[in-house]
Protein backbone atom coordinates (compact mmCIF):
# COMPACT_ATOMS: atom_id res chain seq x y z
CA MET A 1 0.00 0.00 0.00
CA ARG A 2 2.79 2.45 0.84
CA ARG A 3 4.45 1.78 -2.50
CA VAL A 4 1.24 2.53 -4.43
CA LYS A 5 0.70 5.76 -2.54
CA SER A 6 4.31 6.78 -3.09
CA CYS A 7 3.93 6.20 -6.84
CA LYS A 8 0.73 8.26 -6.94
CA ARG A 9 2.38 11.05 -5.02
CA ARG A 10 5.32 11.13 -7.46
CA LEU A 11 2.96 11.27 -10.44
CA PHE A 12 0.89 14.05 -8.86
CA VAL A 13 3.94 16.17 -7.95
CA ARG A 14 5.58 15.55 -11.35
CA HIS A 15 2.57 16.88 -13.25
CA LEU A 16 2.26 19.77 -10.81
CA ARG A 17 5.89 20.80 -11.38
CA ARG A 18 5.58 20.45 -15.15
CA ARG A 19 2.47 22.65 -15.19
CA LYS A 20 0.42 19.78 -16.56
CA LEU A 21 -1.87 19.11 -13.62
CA LYS A 22 -5.02 19.98 -15.59
CA LEU A 23 -4.11 17.47 -18.30
CA PHE A 24 -3.32 14.85 -15.65
CA LEU A 25 -6.70 15.34 -13.97
CA LYS A 26 -8.53 15.00 -17.28
CA LYS A 27 -6.70 11.75 -18.01
CA LEU A 28 -7.52 10.38 -14.57
CA ARG A 29 -11.20 11.10 -15.12
CA ALA A 30 -11.18 9.72 -18.68
CA ASN A 31 -9.60 6.49 -17.41
CA ARG A 32 -12.08 6.37 -14.50
CA ILE A 33 -9.35 6.31 -11.88
CA LEU A 34 -9.84 9.81 -10.49
CA PRO A 35 -11.33 8.49 -7.19
CA SER A 36 -8.20 6.46 -6.47
CA TYR A 37 -6.20 9.72 -6.50
CA LEU A 38 -8.72 12.37 -5.51
CA ARG A 39 -11.77 10.76 -3.94
CA GLU A 40 -12.89 14.18 -2.72
CA PHE A 41 -13.39 15.30 -6.36
CA GLU A 42 -15.53 12.39 -7.53
CA CYS A 43 -18.86 14.19 -7.08
CA LEU A 44 -17.87 17.61 -8.47
CA GLU A 45 -19.13 16.89 -11.97
CA ARG A 46 -22.62 16.10 -10.67
CA ILE A 47 -22.98 19.49 -8.98
CA SER A 48 -24.33 22.23 -11.23
CA GLN A 49 -24.00 25.94 -10.50
CA ASP A 50 -25.95 29.10 -11.24
CA PRO A 51 -25.23 29.77 -14.96
CA HIS A 52 -25.35 33.51 -14.30
CA TYR A 53 -22.18 33.23 -12.19
CA HIS A 54 -20.80 30.00 -13.65
CA PRO A 55 -21.50 29.71 -17.38
CA GLU A 56 -18.77 27.03 -17.54
CA GLY A 57 -21.16 24.59 -15.85
CA SER A 58 -20.33 22.11 -13.11
CA VAL A 59 -17.95 22.56 -10.20
CA TRP A 60 -15.61 20.10 -11.92
CA ASN A 61 -15.51 22.22 -15.10
CA HIS A 62 -14.86 25.31 -13.03
CA THR A 63 -12.08 23.60 -11.07
CA LEU A 64 -10.32 22.35 -14.21
CA LYS A 65 -10.59 25.78 -15.80
CA CYS A 66 -9.11 27.48 -12.73
CA VAL A 67 -6.20 25.02 -12.53
CA GLY A 68 -5.52 25.56 -16.23
CA ILE A 69 -5.53 29.36 -15.86
CA ALA A 70 -3.15 29.22 -12.87
CA GLU A 71 -0.78 27.00 -14.86
CA GLU A 72 -0.96 29.09 -18.03
CA GLU A 73 -0.25 32.27 -16.08
CA ARG A 74 2.77 30.55 -14.47
CA TYR A 75 1.48 31.34 -11.00
CA PRO A 76 3.23 29.76 -7.98
CA PHE A 77 2.40 26.14 -7.22
CA THR A 78 0.50 27.20 -4.11
CA ILE A 79 -1.96 29.08 -6.35
CA VAL A 80 -2.33 26.04 -8.63
CA LEU A 81 -3.06 23.83 -5.62
CA ALA A 82 -5.43 26.37 -4.06
CA SER A 83 -7.23 26.60 -7.43
CA LEU A 84 -7.61 22.82 -7.36
CA PHE A 85 -9.06 22.71 -3.85
CA HIS A 86 -10.91 26.02 -3.49
CA ASP A 87 -14.37 24.60 -4.32
CA VAL A 88 -13.99 20.95 -3.33
CA GLY A 89 -16.08 21.60 -0.20
CA LYS A 90 -19.15 22.27 -2.36
CA CYS A 91 -19.77 18.51 -2.50
CA VAL A 92 -20.30 18.46 1.24
CA VAL A 93 -22.44 21.54 1.85
CA PHE A 94 -24.63 21.72 -1.26
CA ASP A 95 -28.30 21.77 -0.20
CA GLY A 96 -29.79 22.11 -3.66
CA ASN A 97 -29.54 25.90 -3.67
CA ASN A 98 -26.52 27.17 -1.76
CA PHE A 99 -22.86 26.41 -1.03
CA TRP A 100 -22.58 28.21 2.30
CA GLY A 101 -19.54 27.13 4.28
CA HIS A 102 -17.87 25.31 1.37
CA GLU A 103 -14.59 27.15 1.99
CA LYS A 104 -14.31 25.66 5.50
CA GLU A 105 -14.99 22.16 4.23
CA GLY A 106 -12.49 22.70 1.43
CA ALA A 107 -9.78 23.70 3.90
CA LYS A 108 -10.40 20.48 5.86
CA ARG A 109 -9.93 18.43 2.71
CA VAL A 110 -6.64 20.16 1.92
CA VAL A 111 -5.26 18.78 5.19
CA LYS A 112 -6.67 15.29 4.54
CA PHE A 113 -5.29 15.15 1.01
CA PHE A 114 -1.79 16.26 1.91
CA PHE A 115 -1.73 13.87 4.82
CA LYS A 116 -1.89 11.14 2.17
CA TYR A 117 0.35 12.97 -0.33
CA PRO A 118 2.82 14.89 1.86
CA LEU A 119 4.25 18.24 0.73
CA LEU A 120 6.23 20.84 2.62
CA ARG A 121 4.37 21.95 5.74
CA ASN A 122 4.51 25.65 4.85
CA VAL A 123 2.99 24.89 1.41
CA VAL A 124 0.09 22.96 2.96
CA LYS A 125 -0.44 25.73 5.53
CA LYS A 126 -0.61 28.40 2.82
CA VAL A 127 -2.94 26.41 0.55
CA LYS A 128 -5.26 25.66 3.46
CA LYS A 129 -5.40 29.35 4.43
CA LEU A 130 -6.06 30.48 0.86
CA VAL A 131 -8.85 27.94 0.38
CA LEU A 132 -10.41 28.97 3.70
CA ASP A 133 -10.36 32.67 2.73
CA HIS A 134 -10.93 32.53 -1.03
CA MET A 135 -14.42 34.09 -0.75
CA LYS A 136 -13.31 37.14 1.26
CA LEU A 137 -12.66 39.49 -1.67
CA HIS A 138 -15.83 38.44 -3.49
CA GLN A 139 -17.84 40.41 -0.91
CA PRO A 140 -17.97 44.21 -0.46
CA LEU A 141 -15.63 45.01 2.43
CA SER A 142 -15.42 48.11 4.59
CA GLU A 143 -12.24 50.18 4.69
CA LYS A 144 -11.61 48.91 8.21
CA LYS A 145 -11.71 45.25 7.11
CA LEU A 146 -9.60 45.93 4.04
CA LEU A 147 -7.01 47.77 6.12
CA LYS A 148 -6.87 44.80 8.50
CA LEU A 149 -6.17 42.51 5.53
CA VAL A 150 -3.44 44.86 4.28
CA ARG A 151 -1.82 44.99 7.71
CA GLU A 152 -2.22 41.42 8.91
CA TYR A 153 -3.01 38.92 6.14
CA PRO A 154 0.10 36.76 5.57
CA TYR A 155 -0.59 35.83 1.91
CA LEU A 156 -2.33 38.90 0.54
CA GLU A 157 -0.82 38.85 -2.97
CA ASP A 158 -1.63 35.13 -3.27
CA LEU A 159 -5.21 35.75 -2.16
CA LEU A 160 -5.58 38.41 -4.86
CA LEU A 161 -4.21 36.01 -7.48
CA LEU A 162 -6.52 33.18 -6.37
CA THR A 163 -9.55 35.48 -6.49
CA GLU A 164 -8.63 36.55 -10.02
CA VAL A 165 -8.21 32.90 -11.06
CA ASP A 166 -11.60 32.07 -9.53
CA LEU A 167 -13.23 34.88 -11.52
CA LYS A 168 -11.45 34.08 -14.77
CA GLY A 169 -12.66 30.51 -14.38
CA SER A 170 -16.27 31.70 -14.22
CA ILE A 171 -17.74 35.08 -15.22
CA GLY A 172 -14.37 36.70 -15.86
CA TYR A 173 -14.70 39.82 -13.71
CA SER A 174 -16.43 41.32 -10.69
CA GLU A 175 -17.04 44.97 -9.90
CA VAL A 176 -17.02 44.12 -6.19
CA PHE A 177 -13.58 42.53 -6.41
CA LEU A 178 -12.17 45.34 -8.56
CA GLU A 179 -13.41 47.92 -6.05
CA ASN A 180 -11.93 45.96 -3.13
CA LYS A 181 -8.63 45.69 -5.00
CA ARG A 182 -8.59 49.41 -5.84
CA LYS A 183 -9.19 50.38 -2.22
CA MET A 184 -6.55 47.93 -1.02
CA GLU A 185 -3.92 49.47 -3.29
CA LEU A 186 -4.64 52.91 -1.79
CA LEU A 187 -4.60 51.53 1.74
CA LYS A 188 -1.38 49.65 1.04
CA ASP A 189 0.36 52.87 -0.04
CA ARG A 190 -0.92 54.63 3.06
CA TRP A 191 0.19 51.75 5.29
CA GLU A 192 3.67 51.68 3.75
CA LYS A 193 4.06 55.41 4.41
CA GLU A 194 2.88 54.95 8.00
CA LYS A 195 5.36 52.11 8.55
CA ALA A 196 8.18 54.28 7.20
CA LYS A 197 7.57 56.94 9.86
CA PRO A 198 9.86 56.81 12.92
CA PHE A 199 8.60 55.68 16.31
CA PRO A 200 7.85 58.66 18.64
CA LEU A 201 10.78 59.50 20.93
CA LEU A 202 8.41 60.17 23.86
CA ASN A 203 4.99 58.75 24.61
CA GLY A 204 2.18 60.35 26.59
CA TYR A 205 3.12 58.73 29.89
CA GLU A 206 6.69 59.99 29.59
CA ILE A 207 5.49 63.50 28.79
CA MET A 208 3.30 63.51 31.91
CA ALA A 209 6.19 62.21 34.04
CA TYR A 210 8.77 64.73 32.82
CA LEU A 211 6.43 67.71 33.21
CA CYS A 212 4.51 66.43 36.26
CA ILE A 213 1.16 67.14 34.61
CA PRO A 214 -2.10 65.13 34.70
CA PRO A 215 -3.74 63.40 31.70
CA GLY A 216 -5.62 65.74 29.40
CA LYS A 217 -5.73 67.52 26.05
CA ARG A 218 -2.48 69.32 26.76
CA VAL A 219 -0.59 66.01 26.75
CA GLY A 220 -1.94 65.22 23.28
CA VAL A 221 -1.00 68.66 21.95
CA LEU A 222 2.54 68.40 23.33
CA LYS A 223 2.93 64.89 21.98
CA GLU A 224 1.83 66.02 18.52
CA SER A 225 4.24 69.00 18.58
CA LEU A 226 7.10 66.73 19.64
CA TYR A 227 6.42 64.23 16.87
CA GLU A 228 6.16 66.98 14.26
CA ALA A 229 9.57 68.30 15.39
CA GLN A 230 10.93 64.75 15.17
CA LEU A 231 9.64 64.31 11.60
CA LYS A 232 11.22 67.63 10.58
CA GLY A 233 14.57 66.57 12.04
CA ILE A 234 14.62 69.27 14.73
CA ILE A 235 15.08 66.59 17.39
CA ARG A 236 16.81 63.24 16.85
CA THR A 237 17.44 61.74 20.29
CA LYS A 238 15.45 61.20 23.46
CA ASN A 239 17.54 63.79 25.37
CA GLU A 240 16.85 66.36 22.65
CA ALA A 241 13.15 65.47 22.84
CA ILE A 242 13.10 66.04 26.61
CA ALA A 243 14.84 69.41 26.27
CA TYR A 244 12.48 70.42 23.44
CA LEU A 245 9.46 69.30 25.48
CA LYS A 246 10.45 71.43 28.48
CA ALA A 247 11.09 74.41 26.20
CA ILE A 248 7.70 74.30 24.46
CA ALA A 249 5.90 73.56 27.75
CA LYS A 250 7.04 76.92 29.12
CA VAL A 251 5.62 78.83 26.15
């Protein structure tokens, strides 16, 4: 049994590396041996989708199309794998009308599959995360949520690529996604500028301690004046900041 699994793993990885995974999957299905490799994908062809959003037809057709696009565009292997698994959870959750929660089920199946066909742990972790979150950018998001993605999401560029692949494999575009992407680019520029700014030489607690003053609006005003002087290069060290603080506090 181990030997058979090892052979299957080598074949799968070989076609993945050669950017021929789509062709390999089609051959497996044509030869009726797809379940022996990817049992999770056996039912995808039987599940139809709303033709308004998925004119390509079944979940299987959509999956093949996405894998092919990711390979043609020479995207990283993690995007190819995420394209393969992003909708596999639809088999589990489909109730005749909706696919709610399919991303969570898909992420579970990523772990199960790569337990049988081991890959590098960081690759599996990334693919699982991308599959889990692949619907995020399909929804209108507030600036606050988009900024959180820009600041904290570990695979943001990959998520953008996967969303584009998902769209190209179906209706081709989405005004919602394009608007999210546009806002994210603006927020990313703003975030990069914020990160480039130096850390304040004195915080509010230090200002209150050095001047022996209570909390209040005056602390905020002094802190802002100090930071502005720091940005202009008037003060460069903590000692200079303390001296400058005492000078402006007397005015």
